[in-house]
Protein backbone atom coordinates (compact mmCIF):
# COMPACT_ATOMS: atom_id res chain seq x y z
CA UNK A 1 85.47 -48.20 -63.55
CA UNK A 2 85.48 -44.69 -64.51
CA UNK A 3 83.27 -43.28 -67.44
CA UNK A 4 86.08 -43.61 -69.99
CA UNK A 5 86.59 -47.01 -69.72
CA UNK A 6 86.06 -48.72 -73.24
CA UNK A 7 83.65 -51.94 -73.10
CA UNK A 8 84.91 -54.77 -71.90
CA UNK A 9 83.59 -58.37 -72.53
CA UNK A 10 81.02 -60.00 -70.33
CA UNK A 11 81.85 -61.51 -67.13
CA UNK A 12 80.03 -64.97 -67.38
CA UNK A 13 78.81 -66.81 -64.17
CA UNK A 14 79.35 -70.10 -63.20
CA UNK A 15 77.41 -69.88 -59.81
CA UNK A 16 73.73 -70.78 -59.57
CA UNK A 17 71.07 -68.73 -60.72
CA UNK A 18 71.10 -64.89 -59.49
CA UNK A 19 68.62 -62.38 -59.95
CA UNK A 20 69.19 -58.57 -59.90
CA UNK A 21 66.91 -58.26 -56.82
CA UNK A 22 69.20 -60.51 -55.00
CA UNK A 23 72.22 -58.77 -56.29
CA UNK A 24 70.59 -55.18 -54.93
CA UNK A 25 69.92 -56.92 -51.72
CA UNK A 26 73.36 -58.71 -51.27
CA UNK A 27 75.32 -55.06 -52.53
CA UNK A 28 73.09 -53.15 -50.02
CA UNK A 29 71.48 -49.69 -50.09
CA UNK A 30 74.85 -47.83 -49.37
CA UNK A 31 75.92 -49.40 -52.75
CA UNK A 32 73.10 -49.56 -55.04
CA UNK A 33 68.93 -49.14 -54.91
CA UNK A 34 66.26 -50.19 -57.46
CA UNK A 35 64.52 -47.51 -59.41
CA UNK A 36 61.13 -48.86 -60.48
CA UNK A 37 60.16 -52.30 -60.84
CA UNK A 38 62.81 -54.87 -59.85
CA UNK A 39 62.09 -57.11 -63.08
CA UNK A 40 61.09 -60.62 -63.89
CA UNK A 41 63.59 -62.24 -61.51
CA UNK A 42 65.70 -63.53 -64.96
CA UNK A 43 68.88 -64.56 -63.97
CA UNK A 44 71.68 -62.22 -64.22
CA UNK A 45 74.40 -64.15 -66.17
CA UNK A 46 77.40 -61.17 -66.26
CA UNK A 47 78.07 -57.50 -66.23
CA UNK A 48 79.71 -55.51 -69.32
CA UNK A 49 80.30 -51.62 -69.17
CA UNK A 50 78.83 -50.09 -72.24
CA UNK A 51 79.78 -46.94 -74.36
CA UNK A 52 76.63 -44.81 -74.95
CA UNK A 53 77.87 -43.94 -78.46
CA UNK A 54 77.90 -47.43 -79.28
CA UNK A 55 74.77 -49.56 -80.95
CA UNK A 56 73.43 -51.89 -78.54
CA UNK A 57 74.20 -55.53 -78.92
CA UNK A 58 72.99 -58.53 -78.01
CA UNK A 59 72.83 -58.83 -73.80
CA UNK A 60 71.10 -61.61 -72.82
CA UNK A 61 70.99 -61.94 -68.87
CA UNK A 62 73.54 -58.97 -68.86
CA UNK A 63 73.74 -56.28 -66.30
CA UNK A 64 74.85 -53.30 -67.93
CA UNK A 65 76.97 -50.75 -66.45
CA UNK A 66 76.95 -47.26 -67.90
CA UNK A 67 79.27 -44.72 -66.24
CA UNK A 68 79.03 -41.97 -69.04
CA UNK A 69 74.96 -41.21 -68.68
CA UNK A 70 74.84 -38.32 -66.08
CA UNK A 71 74.69 -35.71 -68.76
CA UNK A 72 72.20 -37.57 -70.86
CA UNK A 73 68.71 -36.08 -71.47
CA UNK A 74 65.31 -38.12 -70.09
CA UNK A 75 64.64 -39.23 -73.91
CA UNK A 76 68.24 -40.40 -74.86
CA UNK A 77 67.98 -42.49 -71.48
CA UNK A 78 64.77 -43.70 -72.70
CA UNK A 79 66.23 -45.02 -75.74
CA UNK A 80 69.36 -46.61 -74.47
CA UNK A 81 66.97 -48.14 -72.06
CA UNK A 82 64.94 -49.39 -74.62
CA UNK A 83 67.38 -50.76 -76.66
CA UNK A 84 68.72 -52.60 -74.14
CA UNK A 85 65.49 -54.37 -73.32
CA UNK A 86 65.04 -55.17 -76.34
CA UNK A 87 68.56 -56.96 -76.37
CA UNK A 88 67.83 -58.95 -73.58
CA UNK A 89 69.46 -57.20 -70.79
CA UNK A 90 68.77 -57.92 -67.33
CA UNK A 91 69.09 -54.51 -65.89
CA UNK A 92 70.82 -51.09 -66.50
CA UNK A 93 73.32 -49.47 -63.52
CA UNK A 94 74.02 -46.01 -63.72
CA UNK A 95 74.53 -42.98 -61.33
CA UNK A 96 72.21 -40.01 -61.53
CA UNK A 97 70.70 -37.30 -58.93
CA UNK A 98 68.21 -37.61 -56.66
CA UNK A 99 65.94 -35.23 -58.91
CA UNK A 100 66.16 -37.67 -61.61
CA UNK A 101 64.90 -40.80 -59.89
CA UNK A 102 61.11 -40.14 -60.79
CA UNK A 103 61.83 -39.87 -64.52
CA UNK A 104 64.07 -43.02 -64.75
CA UNK A 105 61.29 -44.85 -62.69
CA UNK A 106 58.82 -44.01 -65.28
CA UNK A 107 61.70 -45.31 -67.83
CA UNK A 108 61.65 -48.51 -65.96
CA UNK A 109 58.18 -48.88 -65.98
CA UNK A 110 57.87 -47.92 -69.91
CA UNK A 111 60.59 -50.39 -70.84
CA UNK A 112 60.41 -53.32 -68.45
CA UNK A 113 64.08 -52.82 -68.17
CA UNK A 114 65.01 -52.78 -64.14
CA UNK A 115 67.10 -49.75 -63.68
CA UNK A 116 69.93 -49.69 -60.74
CA UNK A 117 71.06 -46.38 -58.95
CA UNK A 118 74.68 -46.51 -58.04
CA UNK A 119 75.75 -44.49 -55.26
CA UNK A 120 78.45 -41.47 -56.19
CA UNK A 121 80.42 -43.00 -53.36
CA UNK A 122 81.28 -46.24 -55.10
CA UNK A 123 83.41 -46.35 -57.88
CA UNK A 124 82.76 -48.51 -60.91
CA UNK A 125 85.80 -50.39 -60.68
CA UNK A 126 84.82 -51.48 -57.05
CA UNK A 127 81.53 -52.02 -58.09
CA UNK A 128 82.43 -54.16 -61.30
CA UNK A 129 84.58 -56.42 -58.78
CA UNK A 130 81.89 -56.98 -56.32
CA UNK A 131 79.23 -58.15 -58.74
CA UNK A 132 81.97 -60.53 -60.08
CA UNK A 133 82.41 -62.09 -56.85
CA UNK A 134 78.55 -62.26 -56.06
CA UNK A 135 78.00 -63.79 -59.57
CA UNK A 136 80.35 -66.63 -58.56
CA UNK A 137 83.59 -66.07 -60.49
CA UNK A 138 85.31 -66.92 -57.12
CA UNK A 139 82.99 -69.39 -55.74
CA UNK A 140 84.37 -72.88 -57.66
CA UNK A 141 86.44 -74.47 -54.77
CA UNK A 142 89.53 -76.49 -55.47
CA UNK A 143 89.34 -80.13 -56.04
CA UNK A 144 90.41 -82.48 -53.19
CA UNK A 145 90.66 -82.20 -49.62
CA UNK A 146 91.46 -78.53 -48.38
CA UNK A 147 92.71 -77.65 -44.81
CA UNK A 148 91.97 -73.93 -44.48
CA UNK A 149 93.17 -73.37 -41.22
CA UNK A 150 93.06 -69.82 -39.69
CA UNK A 151 94.09 -68.20 -42.79
CA UNK A 152 92.67 -69.11 -45.94
CA UNK A 153 95.42 -67.83 -48.22
CA UNK A 154 98.14 -70.03 -46.59
CA UNK A 155 95.54 -72.75 -47.28
CA UNK A 156 95.23 -71.78 -50.94
CA UNK A 157 98.77 -72.07 -51.39
CA UNK A 158 99.15 -75.19 -49.85
CA UNK A 159 96.82 -77.29 -51.83
CA UNK A 160 98.40 -75.79 -55.34
CA UNK A 161 101.40 -76.67 -53.62
CA UNK A 162 100.29 -80.23 -53.27
CA UNK A 163 99.37 -80.03 -57.06
CA UNK A 164 102.07 -78.29 -58.86
CA UNK A 165 104.80 -80.00 -56.30
CA UNK A 166 106.34 -76.94 -56.43
CA UNK A 167 106.19 -73.93 -53.93
CA UNK A 168 103.55 -71.48 -53.85
CA UNK A 169 103.53 -67.71 -53.31
CA UNK A 170 100.53 -65.10 -53.23
CA UNK A 171 101.43 -61.78 -53.71
CA UNK A 172 99.81 -58.10 -53.69
CA UNK A 173 100.32 -55.58 -56.21
CA UNK A 174 103.29 -54.27 -54.36
CA UNK A 175 104.84 -57.66 -54.57
CA UNK A 176 104.81 -58.39 -50.77
CA UNK A 177 104.29 -62.39 -50.34
CA UNK A 178 100.95 -62.31 -48.35
CA UNK A 179 100.70 -66.25 -48.21
CA UNK A 180 103.19 -69.16 -49.30
CA UNK A 181 102.78 -73.08 -49.11
CA UNK A 182 104.94 -74.92 -46.42
CA UNK A 183 103.76 -78.96 -48.26
CA UNK A 184 106.51 -81.26 -47.18
CA UNK A 185 108.73 -81.98 -50.11
CA UNK A 186 107.50 -79.28 -52.52
CA UNK A 187 110.14 -77.96 -54.95
CA UNK A 188 111.73 -74.74 -53.99
CA UNK A 189 114.69 -72.54 -54.87
CA UNK A 190 116.89 -69.68 -53.43
CA UNK A 191 114.71 -66.88 -54.97
CA UNK A 192 111.57 -68.14 -53.55
CA UNK A 193 113.31 -68.92 -50.01
CA UNK A 194 114.54 -65.02 -49.97
CA UNK A 195 111.22 -63.90 -50.73
CA UNK A 196 109.64 -65.91 -47.88
CA UNK A 197 111.89 -64.88 -45.11
CA UNK A 198 111.64 -61.00 -46.43
CA UNK A 199 108.06 -61.65 -46.95
CA UNK A 200 108.84 -59.47 -50.41
CA UNK A 201 109.82 -60.43 -53.66
CA UNK A 202 113.72 -60.08 -54.14
CA UNK A 203 114.75 -57.36 -56.89
CA UNK A 204 115.59 -58.99 -60.15
CA UNK A 205 116.01 -57.25 -63.41
CA UNK A 206 113.43 -59.86 -64.96
CA UNK A 207 110.78 -58.64 -62.45
CA UNK A 208 109.30 -55.76 -64.05
CA UNK A 209 108.52 -57.46 -67.68
CA UNK A 210 107.73 -60.23 -66.09
CA UNK A 211 105.19 -58.79 -63.61
CA UNK A 212 103.78 -56.46 -66.17
CA UNK A 213 103.03 -59.27 -68.61
CA UNK A 214 101.37 -61.41 -65.76
CA UNK A 215 99.02 -58.70 -64.77
CA UNK A 216 98.21 -57.92 -68.18
CA UNK A 217 97.58 -61.42 -69.34
CA UNK A 218 94.40 -63.48 -69.31
CA UNK A 219 96.02 -66.61 -69.39
CA UNK A 220 98.72 -68.50 -66.82
CA UNK A 221 101.99 -67.74 -68.19
CA UNK A 222 104.84 -70.30 -67.72
CA UNK A 223 108.23 -69.03 -67.15
CA UNK A 224 111.35 -71.30 -68.26
CA UNK A 225 114.40 -72.10 -65.95
CA UNK A 226 116.18 -69.39 -65.64
CA UNK A 227 119.69 -69.73 -63.54
CA UNK A 228 119.08 -70.87 -60.41
CA UNK A 229 115.26 -70.06 -60.62
CA UNK A 230 113.08 -72.95 -61.28
CA UNK A 231 110.21 -73.04 -63.91
CA UNK A 232 107.09 -71.40 -62.70
CA UNK A 233 103.42 -70.52 -63.61
CA UNK A 234 101.90 -67.05 -62.75
CA UNK A 235 98.51 -66.24 -63.14
CA UNK A 236 96.97 -62.73 -61.92
CA UNK A 237 94.45 -62.19 -59.33
CA UNK A 238 91.83 -59.97 -59.93
CA UNK A 239 88.06 -59.41 -59.33
CA UNK A 240 86.07 -58.57 -62.21
CA UNK A 241 88.62 -55.79 -64.02
CA UNK A 242 90.07 -54.92 -60.70
CA UNK A 243 93.82 -55.91 -60.25
CA UNK A 244 94.68 -57.71 -56.61
CA UNK A 245 97.98 -59.58 -57.10
CA UNK A 246 99.50 -62.30 -58.66
CA UNK A 247 99.68 -66.00 -57.79
CA UNK A 248 103.14 -67.81 -58.72
CA UNK A 249 103.83 -71.56 -58.26
CA UNK A 250 107.18 -73.24 -58.72
CA UNK A 251 106.26 -76.47 -61.54
CA UNK A 252 108.05 -79.70 -60.69
CA UNK A 253 106.95 -81.19 -63.91
CA UNK A 254 109.69 -79.10 -65.62
CA UNK A 255 109.58 -76.96 -68.50
CA UNK A 256 106.95 -78.09 -70.59
CA UNK A 257 104.18 -76.02 -71.57
CA UNK A 258 100.98 -75.93 -68.94
CA UNK A 259 98.52 -78.61 -69.34
CA UNK A 260 94.58 -77.71 -69.27
CA UNK A 261 94.27 -78.97 -65.78
CA UNK A 262 97.38 -76.76 -64.50
CA UNK A 263 95.72 -73.75 -66.05
CA UNK A 264 92.30 -74.50 -64.39
CA UNK A 265 93.70 -75.24 -61.05
CA UNK A 266 96.06 -71.95 -61.00
CA UNK A 267 92.78 -70.19 -62.42
CA UNK A 268 90.49 -71.69 -59.61
CA UNK A 269 93.20 -70.91 -56.93
CA UNK A 270 93.72 -67.07 -58.02
CA UNK A 271 89.86 -66.88 -58.26
CA UNK A 272 89.30 -67.92 -54.25
CA UNK A 273 92.35 -65.97 -53.49
CA UNK A 274 90.54 -62.75 -55.59
CA UNK A 275 87.49 -63.15 -53.21
CA UNK A 276 89.89 -63.33 -49.82
CA UNK A 277 91.31 -60.30 -51.03
CA UNK A 278 88.28 -58.56 -52.16
CA UNK A 279 86.96 -58.97 -49.08
CA UNK A 280 89.76 -57.26 -47.42
CA UNK A 281 89.71 -54.30 -50.18
CA UNK A 282 86.20 -54.22 -49.20
CA UNK A 283 86.60 -54.17 -45.37
CA UNK A 284 89.48 -51.40 -46.45
CA UNK A 285 87.18 -48.97 -48.36
CA UNK A 286 84.58 -49.04 -45.92
CA UNK A 287 87.00 -47.11 -43.10
CA UNK A 288 88.91 -45.29 -46.15
CA UNK A 289 85.78 -43.80 -47.95
CA UNK A 290 85.36 -41.14 -45.52
CA UNK A 291 89.06 -39.90 -45.55
CA UNK A 292 88.91 -40.37 -49.23
CA UNK A 293 85.66 -38.10 -49.29
CA UNK A 294 87.15 -35.73 -46.99
CA UNK A 295 90.19 -35.32 -49.45
CA UNK A 296 87.98 -34.89 -52.49
CA UNK A 297 86.37 -31.86 -50.53
CA UNK A 298 89.82 -30.47 -49.31
CA UNK A 299 90.81 -30.84 -53.19
CA UNK A 300 88.24 -28.79 -54.56
CA UNK A 301 88.03 -26.49 -51.85
CA UNK A 302 84.07 -26.54 -52.12
CA UNK A 303 81.64 -27.03 -49.27
CA UNK A 304 84.58 -27.29 -46.22
CA UNK A 305 83.66 -27.42 -42.79
CA UNK A 306 87.13 -26.26 -41.61
CA UNK A 307 87.25 -29.64 -39.57
CA UNK A 308 88.86 -31.88 -42.24
CA UNK A 309 92.23 -32.13 -40.80
CA UNK A 310 90.81 -32.70 -37.48
CA UNK A 311 88.72 -35.72 -38.89
CA UNK A 312 92.49 -37.27 -40.88
CA UNK A 313 94.06 -36.67 -37.83
CA UNK A 314 96.19 -34.14 -39.51
CA UNK A 315 97.70 -31.64 -36.69
CA UNK A 316 97.37 -28.29 -38.30
CA UNK A 317 99.91 -26.72 -36.07
CA UNK A 318 102.44 -29.05 -37.70
CA UNK A 319 100.70 -29.28 -41.32
CA UNK A 320 100.35 -31.18 -44.00
CA UNK A 321 102.13 -31.58 -47.50
CA UNK A 322 100.56 -32.97 -50.84
CA UNK A 323 102.35 -35.15 -53.49
CA UNK A 324 100.52 -35.28 -57.00
CA UNK A 325 101.29 -38.24 -58.80
CA UNK A 326 101.18 -38.31 -62.91
CA UNK A 327 101.59 -41.15 -65.44
CA UNK A 328 100.67 -39.58 -68.44
CA UNK A 329 98.67 -41.81 -71.07
CA UNK A 330 97.82 -44.23 -68.18
CA UNK A 331 94.72 -45.99 -68.37
CA UNK A 332 92.38 -46.26 -65.22
CA UNK A 333 94.07 -50.02 -63.98
CA UNK A 334 97.60 -48.36 -63.91
CA UNK A 335 95.83 -45.28 -61.91
CA UNK A 336 94.18 -47.50 -59.75
CA UNK A 337 97.59 -49.75 -59.20
CA UNK A 338 99.44 -46.24 -58.52
CA UNK A 339 96.93 -45.17 -56.05
CA UNK A 340 97.35 -48.72 -53.78
CA UNK A 341 101.26 -48.68 -54.54
CA UNK A 342 101.48 -45.14 -52.92
CA UNK A 343 98.91 -45.66 -50.11
CA UNK A 344 100.62 -48.72 -48.76
CA UNK A 345 103.71 -47.02 -49.30
CA UNK A 346 103.53 -43.82 -47.51
CA UNK A 347 101.05 -45.41 -44.51
CA UNK A 348 104.35 -47.09 -43.24
CA UNK A 349 105.84 -43.63 -42.57
CA UNK A 350 102.62 -41.52 -42.23
CA UNK A 351 99.87 -43.60 -40.72
CA UNK A 352 97.22 -40.43 -41.46
CA UNK A 353 97.94 -40.37 -44.90
CA UNK A 354 94.95 -40.62 -47.32
CA UNK A 355 95.10 -40.84 -50.99
CA UNK A 356 92.91 -40.44 -53.83
CA UNK A 357 92.52 -40.66 -57.82
CA UNK A 358 91.30 -37.35 -58.62
CA UNK A 359 91.33 -36.39 -62.29
CA UNK A 360 93.59 -38.69 -63.95
CA UNK A 361 96.24 -38.04 -61.34
CA UNK A 362 96.73 -39.33 -58.09
CA UNK A 363 96.81 -37.22 -54.44
CA UNK A 364 98.55 -37.91 -51.27
CA UNK A 365 98.21 -35.77 -48.13
CA UNK A 366 99.68 -36.79 -45.03
CA UNK A 367 101.39 -34.60 -42.08
CA UNK A 368 104.73 -33.06 -43.12
CA UNK A 369 105.91 -29.78 -41.64
CA UNK A 370 108.19 -29.10 -44.68
CA UNK A 371 108.05 -29.79 -48.69
CA UNK A 372 111.97 -31.17 -47.92
CA UNK A 373 110.17 -33.89 -45.50
CA UNK A 374 107.48 -34.97 -48.27
CA UNK A 375 110.32 -35.20 -50.74
CA UNK A 376 111.95 -37.55 -48.52
CA UNK A 377 109.17 -39.44 -48.34
CA UNK A 378 108.36 -39.73 -52.21
CA UNK A 379 111.98 -40.68 -53.44
CA UNK A 380 111.67 -44.41 -52.29
CA UNK A 381 108.19 -44.22 -54.20
CA UNK A 382 109.95 -43.91 -57.54
CA UNK A 383 111.18 -47.44 -57.95
CA UNK A 384 108.06 -48.96 -56.75
CA UNK A 385 105.89 -46.92 -59.17
CA UNK A 386 108.11 -47.36 -62.02
CA UNK A 387 108.10 -51.46 -61.53
CA UNK A 388 104.30 -51.70 -61.21
CA UNK A 389 102.89 -49.01 -63.50
CA UNK A 390 105.84 -48.16 -65.76
CA UNK A 391 108.52 -45.52 -66.08
CA UNK A 392 108.05 -42.08 -66.73
CA UNK A 393 105.65 -41.14 -63.54
CA UNK A 394 106.35 -37.64 -62.04
CA UNK A 395 105.54 -36.50 -58.60
CA UNK A 396 105.08 -32.86 -57.52
CA UNK A 397 105.33 -31.89 -53.70
CA UNK A 398 103.45 -28.83 -52.36
CA UNK A 399 102.84 -27.68 -49.02
CA UNK A 400 103.15 -27.26 -46.17
CA UNK A 401 99.38 -26.29 -45.64
CA UNK A 402 97.92 -25.61 -42.16
CA UNK A 403 94.09 -25.20 -43.06
CA UNK A 404 91.47 -27.07 -45.18
CA UNK A 405 91.14 -23.95 -47.28
CA UNK A 406 94.66 -23.96 -48.19
CA UNK A 407 94.84 -27.68 -49.27
CA UNK A 408 93.15 -26.68 -52.93
CA UNK A 409 95.88 -24.15 -53.40
CA UNK A 410 98.44 -26.75 -52.90
CA UNK A 411 96.78 -28.94 -55.21
CA UNK A 412 96.92 -25.90 -58.08
CA UNK A 413 100.28 -25.66 -57.69
CA UNK A 414 101.52 -29.31 -57.60
CA UNK A 415 99.05 -29.59 -61.07
CA UNK A 416 101.06 -26.10 -62.36
CA UNK A 417 104.25 -28.02 -61.51
CA UNK A 418 103.46 -31.09 -63.14
CA UNK A 419 102.45 -29.16 -66.28
CA UNK A 420 105.31 -26.97 -66.16
CA UNK A 421 107.87 -30.00 -65.75
CA UNK A 422 106.17 -31.70 -68.85
CA UNK A 423 106.40 -28.47 -71.07
CA UNK A 424 110.24 -28.24 -70.35
CA UNK A 425 110.22 -31.72 -72.36
CA UNK A 426 113.59 -32.20 -70.68
CA UNK A 427 115.05 -36.13 -70.11
CA UNK A 428 117.33 -35.03 -67.68
CA UNK A 429 114.51 -32.95 -65.53
CA UNK A 430 113.91 -34.29 -61.97
CA UNK A 431 111.37 -36.58 -61.30
CA UNK A 432 110.20 -35.07 -57.91
CA UNK A 433 109.46 -31.48 -58.83
CA UNK A 434 109.24 -28.70 -56.22
CA UNK A 435 108.23 -24.92 -56.38
CA UNK A 436 111.92 -24.41 -55.45
CA UNK A 437 113.17 -26.07 -57.98
CA UNK A 438 111.07 -24.63 -60.73
CA UNK A 439 110.49 -21.33 -59.72
CA UNK A 440 112.29 -19.27 -62.46
CA UNK A 441 110.05 -21.26 -64.79
CA UNK A 442 106.96 -20.46 -62.92
CA UNK A 443 107.83 -16.97 -62.86
CA UNK A 444 108.44 -17.12 -66.88
CA UNK A 445 104.91 -18.50 -67.08
CA UNK A 446 103.13 -16.52 -64.80
CA UNK A 447 104.50 -13.44 -66.91
CA UNK A 448 103.40 -14.92 -70.15
CA UNK A 449 99.85 -15.21 -68.50
CA UNK A 450 99.85 -11.65 -67.43
CA UNK A 451 101.49 -10.58 -70.59
CA UNK A 452 98.26 -12.15 -72.38
CA UNK A 453 95.73 -11.02 -70.30
CA UNK A 454 96.77 -7.41 -69.68
CA UNK A 455 97.77 -5.76 -72.71
CA UNK A 456 98.80 -2.39 -71.39
CA UNK A 457 101.72 -3.87 -69.54
CA UNK A 458 103.29 -4.92 -73.08
CA UNK A 459 105.63 -3.10 -75.00
CA UNK A 460 104.11 -1.97 -78.46
CA UNK A 461 107.61 -1.94 -79.82
CA UNK A 462 108.43 -5.59 -78.79
CA UNK A 463 104.55 -6.42 -80.04
CA UNK A 464 105.47 -4.97 -83.43
CA UNK A 465 108.86 -6.66 -83.72
CA UNK A 466 107.34 -10.12 -82.41
CA UNK A 467 104.37 -9.35 -85.51
CA UNK A 468 107.19 -9.03 -87.94
CA UNK A 469 109.59 -11.62 -87.18
CA UNK A 470 108.32 -14.11 -89.27
CA UNK A 471 108.23 -11.45 -92.34
CA UNK A 472 111.15 -10.04 -91.98
CA UNK A 473 114.79 -11.37 -91.00
CA UNK A 474 115.99 -8.42 -89.88
CA UNK A 475 113.20 -7.85 -86.67
CA UNK A 476 114.04 -11.48 -85.97
CA UNK A 477 117.48 -10.85 -85.60
CA UNK A 478 117.03 -7.77 -83.68
CA UNK A 479 114.87 -9.44 -81.32
CA UNK A 480 117.60 -12.51 -80.71
CA UNK A 481 120.22 -9.88 -80.40
CA UNK A 482 118.02 -7.80 -77.98
CA UNK A 483 116.94 -11.35 -75.74
CA UNK A 484 120.75 -12.09 -75.88
CA UNK A 485 122.28 -8.84 -74.98
CA UNK A 486 119.42 -8.72 -71.98
CA UNK A 487 120.45 -12.38 -70.82
CA UNK A 488 124.34 -11.24 -71.13
CA UNK A 489 123.53 -8.29 -68.43
CA UNK A 490 124.59 -5.84 -71.37
CA UNK A 491 127.80 -7.30 -72.21
CA UNK A 492 128.64 -6.48 -75.82
CA UNK A 493 131.35 -9.10 -76.40
CA UNK A 494 129.33 -11.74 -74.54
CA UNK A 495 126.15 -11.25 -77.00
CA UNK A 496 128.52 -11.21 -79.95
CA UNK A 497 130.12 -14.60 -79.10
CA UNK A 498 126.79 -16.20 -78.51
CA UNK A 499 125.21 -15.26 -81.60
CA UNK A 500 128.52 -15.50 -83.61
CA UNK A 501 128.70 -12.33 -85.07
CA UNK A 502 130.87 -8.99 -84.94
CA UNK A 503 130.52 -7.08 -81.76
CA UNK A 504 129.49 -3.71 -83.87
CA UNK A 505 126.69 -6.07 -85.37
CA UNK A 506 125.39 -6.29 -81.76
CA UNK A 507 125.93 -2.28 -81.43
CA UNK A 508 124.34 -1.92 -84.65
CA UNK A 509 121.09 -4.11 -84.04
CA UNK A 510 120.33 -2.66 -80.76
CA UNK A 511 120.96 1.10 -82.23
CA UNK A 512 117.97 -0.24 -84.81
CA UNK A 513 116.12 -1.54 -81.99
CA UNK A 514 115.89 2.04 -80.17
CA UNK A 515 115.92 4.50 -83.25
CA UNK A 516 113.78 2.57 -85.61
CA UNK A 517 111.29 0.53 -84.00
CA UNK A 518 111.27 2.72 -80.56
CA UNK A 519 112.73 -0.19 -77.69
CA UNK A 520 114.09 1.53 -74.76
CA UNK A 521 116.43 -0.55 -72.88
CA UNK A 522 118.56 2.14 -70.71
CA UNK A 523 116.92 2.01 -67.54
CA UNK A 524 117.00 -1.05 -65.29
CA UNK A 525 113.22 -1.12 -65.21
CA UNK A 526 113.02 -1.37 -68.64
CA UNK A 527 115.42 -3.98 -69.89
CA UNK A 528 113.48 -5.96 -66.66
CA UNK A 529 110.42 -5.59 -68.22
CA UNK A 530 111.36 -6.17 -71.77
CA UNK A 531 113.23 -9.48 -70.78
CA UNK A 532 110.29 -10.76 -69.19
CA UNK A 533 107.99 -9.94 -72.66
CA UNK A 534 110.49 -11.40 -74.58
CA UNK A 535 111.08 -14.55 -72.72
CA UNK A 536 107.72 -15.16 -72.14
CA UNK A 537 107.30 -15.18 -75.96
CA UNK A 538 110.15 -17.47 -76.66
CA UNK A 539 108.60 -20.04 -74.27
């Protein structure tokens, strides 16, 4: 998880005793390393994220995950470690630079609290999921005989279908059906049959609300019979706080509430499925991590080697385009879902796609010779991200770029496009924005920045009018008239009509602007400069 995530409740394990040293060994040195003493060998019973500004609470056997400690002083870290040790914590996990390791080792020795250093390349979200898996949340087996065969997910679906008496489907976050049951005599409806044949959940007006509810719920949810759809029980598949998908079981017993045994069975099936999906995620992350690191380097423009495009498999001659996705107000879970959806969709058409979450946005880079090509690839994503993450996501397309050093500039442009579109606050604004369709707004905004930083470019007469408009009605009227007249290309009749005044009033105000205030509008260049200054002030 990221540093801004609020504390979550402890994740209690059901597996046999696991010590911190064993966890460190299983995760491996590329993920975590011990700092100082490994501790007494006490069992780790769960994990919990802590907020450094909150008071430390009871934490017996808990491994505390502390994402927000990078900027803390050694004294403050020592106080946190001492408080954690006093509350019985099993250890403290944090990220730090190499030069702080000796100081942290001294803190570990002094407080008796084991400290674990998390590798920079490991996200807190993935670490939380791995720890949850290792602590045994996914180790509780389904009761009864099992015939796993070659594909464990299908075996899990079959076992659950035998219990519920109805068809079971295991889905990923993009609502692709990863596995389904094939138990003789199982209850099945047309919706499930269609989904199995297409390996994709059929579109339904109820889908969005149902999936959001399931992914956010900590308990299985029972949906009653709806038209031709049989009653079904749904539960999210997670590893820790990381959402991986969902599991849906048609309930042949009817529309009554779920029983405790049904809840327990679907929870266990979900945990088992989560273990397999997490293994896939870890294997995928192993191959994707170097590519993601390259993209992060490209986005910042720092320490470039010039070989990044070759390492990503992108032809420099053709070029690459960048898509930036923004979900305002979305939390870390939604951003993770957004990135997952983006990469799953784009790699179908552009296998070289790489995507990362960076500064609360998602960026995707892939081979594309023009912005129009990138927009065409982005358009089918809108209904997908609306369905999984929520309405209002906007996409900015920038490029093409042909050199490593140009990607950071493309990211700056994409960010500027998203910010400009957000300021427009137009409910009918485009969902996919480019420099071409926002060029006029970009020009005005850049002009406003230029006038703000270079006072010599501003006309003092206009500055005086702008300063006085709040106190003098005449100044406000002159500004409004001058701006409207300039927008009407000097047409007095059209200006009067737009303002709802007489043409002579327009002429009088323009004359006053020149004679009393020194505003000069005789020459085309003067009119252009005046319009830019007035328009920039009217933003």
